Protein backbone atom coordinates (compact mmCIF):
# COMPACT_ATOMS: atom_id res chain seq x y z
CA MET A 1 32.63 14.58 -1.58
CA ALA A 2 29.44 14.01 0.45
CA LYS A 3 31.05 15.14 3.69
CA THR A 4 32.54 18.22 2.03
CA ILE A 5 29.17 19.23 0.54
CA ALA A 6 27.48 18.68 3.91
CA LYS A 7 30.09 20.84 5.66
CA ILE A 8 29.94 23.66 3.12
CA LEU A 9 26.15 23.74 2.88
CA GLY A 10 25.85 23.35 6.66
CA VAL A 11 27.86 26.55 7.11
CA VAL A 12 25.83 28.26 4.37
CA PHE A 13 22.53 27.24 6.02
CA ILE A 14 23.67 28.60 9.39
CA LEU A 15 24.93 31.86 7.87
CA VAL A 16 21.69 32.36 5.91
CA GLY A 17 19.69 31.53 9.04
CA LEU A 18 21.56 34.20 11.00
CA VAL A 19 21.52 36.78 8.19
CA GLY A 20 17.77 36.21 7.81
CA PHE A 21 17.17 37.68 11.25
CA ILE A 22 18.82 40.93 10.13
CA MET A 23 17.81 40.99 6.45
CA PRO A 24 14.54 39.08 5.90
CA GLY A 25 14.57 39.83 2.16
CA PHE A 26 18.16 38.60 1.64
CA LEU A 27 18.73 37.93 -2.09
CA GLY A 28 15.00 38.22 -2.78
CA THR A 29 14.01 35.35 -0.50
CA HIS A 30 11.39 35.36 2.24
CA LEU A 31 13.29 34.72 5.47
CA SER A 32 10.89 34.67 8.42
CA LEU A 33 11.56 33.49 11.95
CA THR A 34 10.35 29.99 11.05
CA HIS A 35 12.36 29.90 7.84
CA ASN A 36 15.50 31.02 9.71
CA LEU A 37 14.99 28.33 12.35
CA VAL A 38 14.62 25.70 9.60
CA HIS A 39 17.92 26.93 8.12
CA LEU A 40 19.71 26.83 11.47
CA ILE A 41 18.47 23.31 12.23
CA SER A 42 19.25 22.10 8.70
CA GLY A 43 22.72 23.62 9.01
CA ALA A 44 23.37 21.89 12.33
CA VAL A 45 22.22 18.53 10.92
CA ALA A 46 24.34 19.01 7.78
CA LEU A 47 27.40 19.86 9.89
CA TYR A 48 26.85 16.74 11.98
CA PHE A 49 26.84 14.58 8.85
CA GLY A 50 29.80 16.49 7.44
CA PHE A 51 32.01 16.19 10.50
CA SER A 52 30.83 13.28 12.67
CA ALA A 53 28.90 10.75 10.59
CA SER A 54 30.35 8.01 8.44
CA LEU A 55 30.91 8.65 4.75
CA GLY A 56 28.02 6.33 3.88
CA ALA A 57 25.69 8.21 6.23
CA ALA A 58 26.81 11.56 4.81
CA ARG A 59 26.19 10.25 1.29
CA MET A 60 22.68 9.12 2.20
CA PHE A 61 21.99 12.44 3.95
CA ASP A 62 23.06 14.36 0.83
CA ILE A 63 20.85 12.24 -1.40
CA ILE A 64 17.81 12.56 0.89
CA PHE A 65 18.26 16.30 1.40
CA GLY A 66 18.87 16.70 -2.34
CA ILE A 67 15.62 14.95 -3.16
CA VAL A 68 13.67 16.90 -0.54
CA TYR A 69 15.02 20.32 -1.54
CA GLY A 70 14.75 19.56 -5.25
CA LEU A 71 11.14 18.43 -4.91
CA LEU A 72 10.32 21.43 -2.73
CA GLY A 73 11.65 23.78 -5.42
CA VAL A 74 9.92 22.01 -8.30
CA ALA A 75 6.65 21.75 -6.35
CA GLY A 76 6.91 25.46 -5.59
CA PHE A 77 7.00 26.29 -9.28
CA LEU A 78 4.28 23.80 -10.18
CA LEU A 79 1.92 24.57 -7.31
CA GLY A 80 2.67 28.25 -6.78
CA SER A 81 2.16 30.24 -3.63
CA GLY A 82 -1.09 32.15 -4.15
CA PRO A 83 -4.06 31.96 -1.74
CA ASP A 84 -5.59 29.03 -3.63
CA ARG A 85 -2.33 27.04 -3.78
CA MET A 86 -0.70 24.42 -1.55
CA PHE A 87 2.10 26.62 -0.26
CA GLU A 88 -0.29 29.21 1.16
CA ALA A 89 -0.89 26.75 4.02
CA LEU A 90 2.78 27.16 4.91
CA ALA A 91 2.25 30.92 5.28
CA GLY A 92 0.33 30.20 8.47
CA LEU A 93 3.58 28.72 9.80
CA GLY A 94 5.55 31.80 8.80
CA LEU A 95 6.92 30.25 5.61
CA HIS A 96 6.31 32.36 2.52
CA LEU A 97 7.93 30.79 -0.51
CA GLY A 98 8.36 32.81 -3.68
CA THR A 99 10.19 32.40 -6.96
CA MET A 100 13.66 33.07 -5.56
CA ASP A 101 13.02 30.58 -2.74
CA HIS A 102 12.08 27.94 -5.33
CA ILE A 103 15.22 28.64 -7.36
CA VAL A 104 17.43 28.40 -4.28
CA HIS A 105 15.75 25.13 -3.21
CA ILE A 106 16.37 23.59 -6.64
CA LEU A 107 20.02 24.68 -6.59
CA LEU A 108 20.46 23.25 -3.08
CA GLY A 109 18.85 20.02 -4.22
CA ILE A 110 21.27 19.76 -7.14
CA LEU A 111 24.31 20.45 -4.94
CA PHE A 112 23.26 17.86 -2.35
CA LEU A 113 22.55 15.27 -5.06
CA VAL A 114 25.90 15.90 -6.73
CA GLY A 115 27.63 15.44 -3.38
CA GLY A 116 25.73 12.25 -2.69
CA PHE A 117 26.05 10.60 -6.07
CA LEU A 118 29.68 11.55 -6.70
CA THR A 119 30.61 9.82 -3.46
CA LYS A 120 29.45 6.39 -4.60
CA ALA A 121 32.95 5.08 -5.35
CA ASP A 122 34.34 6.38 -2.06
CA VAL A 123 31.86 4.63 0.23
CA ALA A 124 33.79 1.34 0.02
CA ARG A 125 36.75 3.03 1.73
CA ASP A 126 34.62 4.16 4.67
């Protein structure tokens, strides 16, 4: 399951990264040059773990990415993105994170965590 999730989300990351260059407001998100590059790199890494890494490594990747994306989404809601908030510092890097971005990050976190934790029984066969 971990490798499948990594493959699917790797393709999704790359597609969103490419679409973001054409439609920066895709699905209400804020897709800047930096954000698109993060998606393309994340997609390439996810595809590596989906296709080339061991099942155990793919499982660990899914869990780590799930935690990171989940925390990013939750922190976005808790800390906000106004000028007096933590995420405003990211705006200087070209990363503007709004409500839809936070929702997407939480959903990605859940999907990665599901892929990682549902693979537990399969790791012994790796």
